[in-house]
């Protein structure tokens, strides 16, 4: 499936479909097991992103029917939920004071999973 996914790379103007990376300051202290789990999450997200992109290309110039809108919505929500799961999986390595960074409502895409300006977020906590 990796070869198929490569055919449907996320367009540059679809930044919310790019798989956010773990911020370097969080990645560095992660255990090998946590890193392996994170890499697996990223692989799944890349496949979902490719599926959304392929679906969107198929729809270019045509009107979507309800089942197609529902399919696209389900795929996009899956992408969001997996990003939330990534944060929950990483939360145990955080000091309890900073656990708020792992709230599902704070998913930051594109770029980094915990946002582009993590030090500022930490200072504001």
C-alpha atoms as a PDB file:
ATOM      1  CA  UNK A   1       0.000   0.000   0.000  1.00  0.00           C
ATOM      2  CA  UNK A   2       2.957   2.341   0.486  1.00  0.00           C
ATOM      3  CA  UNK A   3       3.523   2.435  -3.273  1.00  0.00           C
ATOM      4  CA  UNK A   4      -0.139   3.247  -3.885  1.00  0.00           C
ATOM      5  CA  UNK A   5      -0.095   5.966  -1.223  1.00  0.00           C
ATOM      6  CA  UNK A   6       2.918   7.558  -2.939  1.00  0.00           C
ATOM      7  CA  UNK A   7       0.708   8.161  -5.990  1.00  0.00           C
ATOM      8  CA  UNK A   8      -1.543  10.417  -3.892  1.00  0.00           C
ATOM      9  CA  UNK A   9       0.728  12.790  -2.035  1.00  0.00           C
ATOM     10  CA  UNK A  10      -1.002  15.551  -0.107  1.00  0.00           C
ATOM     11  CA  UNK A  11      -1.252  18.730  -2.191  1.00  0.00           C
ATOM     12  CA  UNK A  12       0.686  21.717  -0.842  1.00  0.00           C
ATOM     13  CA  UNK A  13      -2.523  23.693  -0.310  1.00  0.00           C
ATOM     14  CA  UNK A  14      -4.000  20.980   1.975  1.00  0.00           C
ATOM     15  CA  UNK A  15      -1.854  21.637   5.027  1.00  0.00           C
ATOM     16  CA  UNK A  16      -4.385  20.123   7.436  1.00  0.00           C
ATOM     17  CA  UNK A  17      -3.820  16.719   5.775  1.00  0.00           C
ATOM     18  CA  UNK A  18      -0.077  16.736   6.369  1.00  0.00           C
ATOM     19  CA  UNK A  19       0.941  14.393   9.168  1.00  0.00           C
ATOM     20  CA  UNK A  20       2.298  16.528  12.012  1.00  0.00           C
ATOM     21  CA  UNK A  21       5.624  15.403  13.409  1.00  0.00           C
ATOM     22  CA  UNK A  22       6.350  15.142  17.118  1.00  0.00           C
ATOM     23  CA  UNK A  23       8.168  18.239  18.310  1.00  0.00           C
ATOM     24  CA  UNK A  24      11.933  17.550  18.605  1.00  0.00           C
ATOM     25  CA  UNK A  25      11.971  18.525  22.293  1.00  0.00           C
ATOM     26  CA  UNK A  26       9.406  15.787  22.952  1.00  0.00           C
ATOM     27  CA  UNK A  27      10.782  13.218  20.477  1.00  0.00           C
ATOM     28  CA  UNK A  28      14.280  13.216  21.960  1.00  0.00           C
ATOM     29  CA  UNK A  29      13.380  11.894  25.446  1.00  0.00           C
ATOM     30  CA  UNK A  30      10.806   9.371  24.147  1.00  0.00           C
ATOM     31  CA  UNK A  31      11.569   5.717  24.821  1.00  0.00           C
ATOM     32  CA  UNK A  32      12.220   3.430  21.836  1.00  0.00           C
ATOM     33  CA  UNK A  33       8.827   1.786  22.438  1.00  0.00           C
ATOM     34  CA  UNK A  34       7.016   5.121  22.366  1.00  0.00           C
ATOM     35  CA  UNK A  35       8.886   6.144  19.232  1.00  0.00           C
ATOM     36  CA  UNK A  36       7.930   2.889  17.521  1.00  0.00           C
ATOM     37  CA  UNK A  37       4.284   3.403  18.395  1.00  0.00           C
ATOM     38  CA  UNK A  38       4.440   6.995  17.146  1.00  0.00           C
ATOM     39  CA  UNK A  39       5.983   5.877  13.840  1.00  0.00           C
ATOM     40  CA  UNK A  40       3.135   3.366  13.386  1.00  0.00           C
ATOM     41  CA  UNK A  41       0.558   6.108  14.017  1.00  0.00           C
ATOM     42  CA  UNK A  42       2.305   8.296  11.419  1.00  0.00           C
ATOM     43  CA  UNK A  43       2.206   5.480   8.841  1.00  0.00           C
ATOM     44  CA  UNK A  44      -1.551   5.048   9.360  1.00  0.00           C
ATOM     45  CA  UNK A  45      -2.094   8.794   9.042  1.00  0.00           C
ATOM     46  CA  UNK A  46      -0.103   8.911   5.801  1.00  0.00           C
ATOM     47  CA  UNK A  47      -2.347   6.193   4.370  1.00  0.00           C
ATOM     48  CA  UNK A  48      -5.509   8.024   5.451  1.00  0.00           C
ATOM     49  CA  UNK A  49      -4.157  11.266   4.007  1.00  0.00           C
ATOM     50  CA  UNK A  50      -3.442   9.508   0.703  1.00  0.00           C
ATOM     51  CA  UNK A  51      -6.970   8.031   0.703  1.00  0.00           C
ATOM     52  CA  UNK A  52      -8.512  11.469   1.271  1.00  0.00           C
ATOM     53  CA  UNK A  53      -6.339  12.938  -1.489  1.00  0.00           C
ATOM     54  CA  UNK A  54      -7.237  10.130  -3.927  1.00  0.00           C
ATOM     55  CA  UNK A  55     -10.920  10.532  -3.098  1.00  0.00           C
ATOM     56  CA  UNK A  56     -10.680  14.291  -3.635  1.00  0.00           C
ATOM     57  CA  UNK A  57      -8.979  13.872  -7.004  1.00  0.00           C
ATOM     58  CA  UNK A  58     -11.705  11.506  -8.111  1.00  0.00           C
ATOM     59  CA  UNK A  59     -14.302  14.138  -7.198  1.00  0.00           C
ATOM     60  CA  UNK A  60     -12.691  17.056  -9.071  1.00  0.00           C
ATOM     61  CA  UNK A  61     -15.253  18.794 -11.204  1.00  0.00           C
ATOM     62  CA  UNK A  62     -18.201  16.737 -10.029  1.00  0.00           C
ATOM     63  CA  UNK A  63     -20.833  17.216  -7.383  1.00  0.00           C
ATOM     64  CA  UNK A  64     -20.649  15.006  -4.309  1.00  0.00           C
ATOM     65  CA  UNK A  65     -23.606  12.934  -3.247  1.00  0.00           C
ATOM     66  CA  UNK A  66     -24.389  12.347   0.440  1.00  0.00           C
ATOM     67  CA  UNK A  67     -22.538   9.027   0.707  1.00  0.00           C
ATOM     68  CA  UNK A  68     -19.407  10.613  -0.751  1.00  0.00           C
ATOM     69  CA  UNK A  69     -19.598  13.567   1.664  1.00  0.00           C
ATOM     70  CA  UNK A  70     -20.107  11.112   4.534  1.00  0.00           C
ATOM     71  CA  UNK A  71     -17.127   9.019   3.402  1.00  0.00           C
ATOM     72  CA  UNK A  72     -14.894  12.056   3.201  1.00  0.00           C
ATOM     73  CA  UNK A  73     -16.105  13.281   6.599  1.00  0.00           C
ATOM     74  CA  UNK A  74     -15.426   9.890   8.187  1.00  0.00           C
ATOM     75  CA  UNK A  75     -11.906   9.767   6.767  1.00  0.00           C
ATOM     76  CA  UNK A  76     -11.139  13.314   7.929  1.00  0.00           C
ATOM     77  CA  UNK A  77     -12.490  12.592  11.401  1.00  0.00           C
ATOM     78  CA  UNK A  78     -10.360   9.424  11.577  1.00  0.00           C
ATOM     79  CA  UNK A  79      -7.310  11.537  10.746  1.00  0.00           C
ATOM     80  CA  UNK A  80      -8.183  13.944  13.588  1.00  0.00           C
ATOM     81  CA  UNK A  81      -8.935  11.172  16.111  1.00  0.00           C
ATOM     82  CA  UNK A  82      -5.635   9.406  15.455  1.00  0.00           C
ATOM     83  CA  UNK A  83      -3.785  12.678  16.086  1.00  0.00           C
ATOM     84  CA  UNK A  84      -5.653  12.895  19.397  1.00  0.00           C
ATOM     85  CA  UNK A  85      -4.635   9.310  20.221  1.00  0.00           C
ATOM     86  CA  UNK A  86      -1.010  10.175  19.490  1.00  0.00           C
ATOM     87  CA  UNK A  87      -1.092  12.899  22.127  1.00  0.00           C
ATOM     88  CA  UNK A  88      -2.781  10.618  24.659  1.00  0.00           C
ATOM     89  CA  UNK A  89      -0.128   7.959  24.049  1.00  0.00           C
ATOM     90  CA  UNK A  90       2.653  10.482  24.695  1.00  0.00           C
ATOM     91  CA  UNK A  91       1.024  12.073  27.781  1.00  0.00           C
ATOM     92  CA  UNK A  92       2.524   9.621  30.364  1.00  0.00           C
ATOM     93  CA  UNK A  93       5.997  11.045  29.760  1.00  0.00           C
ATOM     94  CA  UNK A  94       4.804  14.586  30.595  1.00  0.00           C
ATOM     95  CA  UNK A  95       4.959  16.138  34.029  1.00  0.00           C
ATOM     96  CA  UNK A  96       1.322  16.406  35.272  1.00  0.00           C
ATOM     97  CA  UNK A  97       1.598  20.193  35.104  1.00  0.00           C
ATOM     98  CA  UNK A  98       1.951  19.983  31.317  1.00  0.00           C
ATOM     99  CA  UNK A  99      -0.652  17.281  30.652  1.00  0.00           C
ATOM    100  CA  UNK A 100      -2.957  19.991  29.277  1.00  0.00           C
ATOM    101  CA  UNK A 101      -0.818  20.041  26.143  1.00  0.00           C
ATOM    102  CA  UNK A 102      -2.309  16.644  25.335  1.00  0.00           C
ATOM    103  CA  UNK A 103      -5.941  17.761  25.214  1.00  0.00           C
ATOM    104  CA  UNK A 104      -7.632  16.594  22.037  1.00  0.00           C
ATOM    105  CA  UNK A 105      -8.859  20.122  21.383  1.00  0.00           C
ATOM    106  CA  UNK A 106      -5.257  21.291  21.098  1.00  0.00           C
ATOM    107  CA  UNK A 107      -4.288  19.183  18.065  1.00  0.00           C
ATOM    108  CA  UNK A 108      -2.015  21.348  15.974  1.00  0.00           C
ATOM    109  CA  UNK A 109      -1.633  20.638  12.303  1.00  0.00           C
ATOM    110  CA  UNK A 110       0.369  21.037  10.161  1.00  0.00           C
ATOM    111  CA  UNK A 111       3.930  21.037  11.303  1.00  0.00           C
ATOM    112  CA  UNK A 112       4.292  19.708  14.801  1.00  0.00           C
ATOM    113  CA  UNK A 113       1.846  17.667  16.857  1.00  0.00           C
ATOM    114  CA  UNK A 114       2.119  20.037  19.809  1.00  0.00           C
ATOM    115  CA  UNK A 115       2.179  23.206  17.702  1.00  0.00           C
ATOM    116  CA  UNK A 116       4.861  25.324  16.146  1.00  0.00           C
ATOM    117  CA  UNK A 117       5.597  27.263  19.328  1.00  0.00           C
ATOM    118  CA  UNK A 118       5.742  24.700  22.124  1.00  0.00           C
ATOM    119  CA  UNK A 119       7.971  26.778  24.448  1.00  0.00           C
ATOM    120  CA  UNK A 120       5.426  29.620  24.371  1.00  0.00           C
ATOM    121  CA  UNK A 121       2.579  27.219  25.175  1.00  0.00           C
ATOM    122  CA  UNK A 122       4.554  25.860  28.131  1.00  0.00           C
ATOM    123  CA  UNK A 123       5.292  29.362  29.454  1.00  0.00           C
ATOM    124  CA  UNK A 124       1.586  30.226  29.277  1.00  0.00           C
ATOM    125  CA  UNK A 125       0.568  27.226  31.379  1.00  0.00           C
END
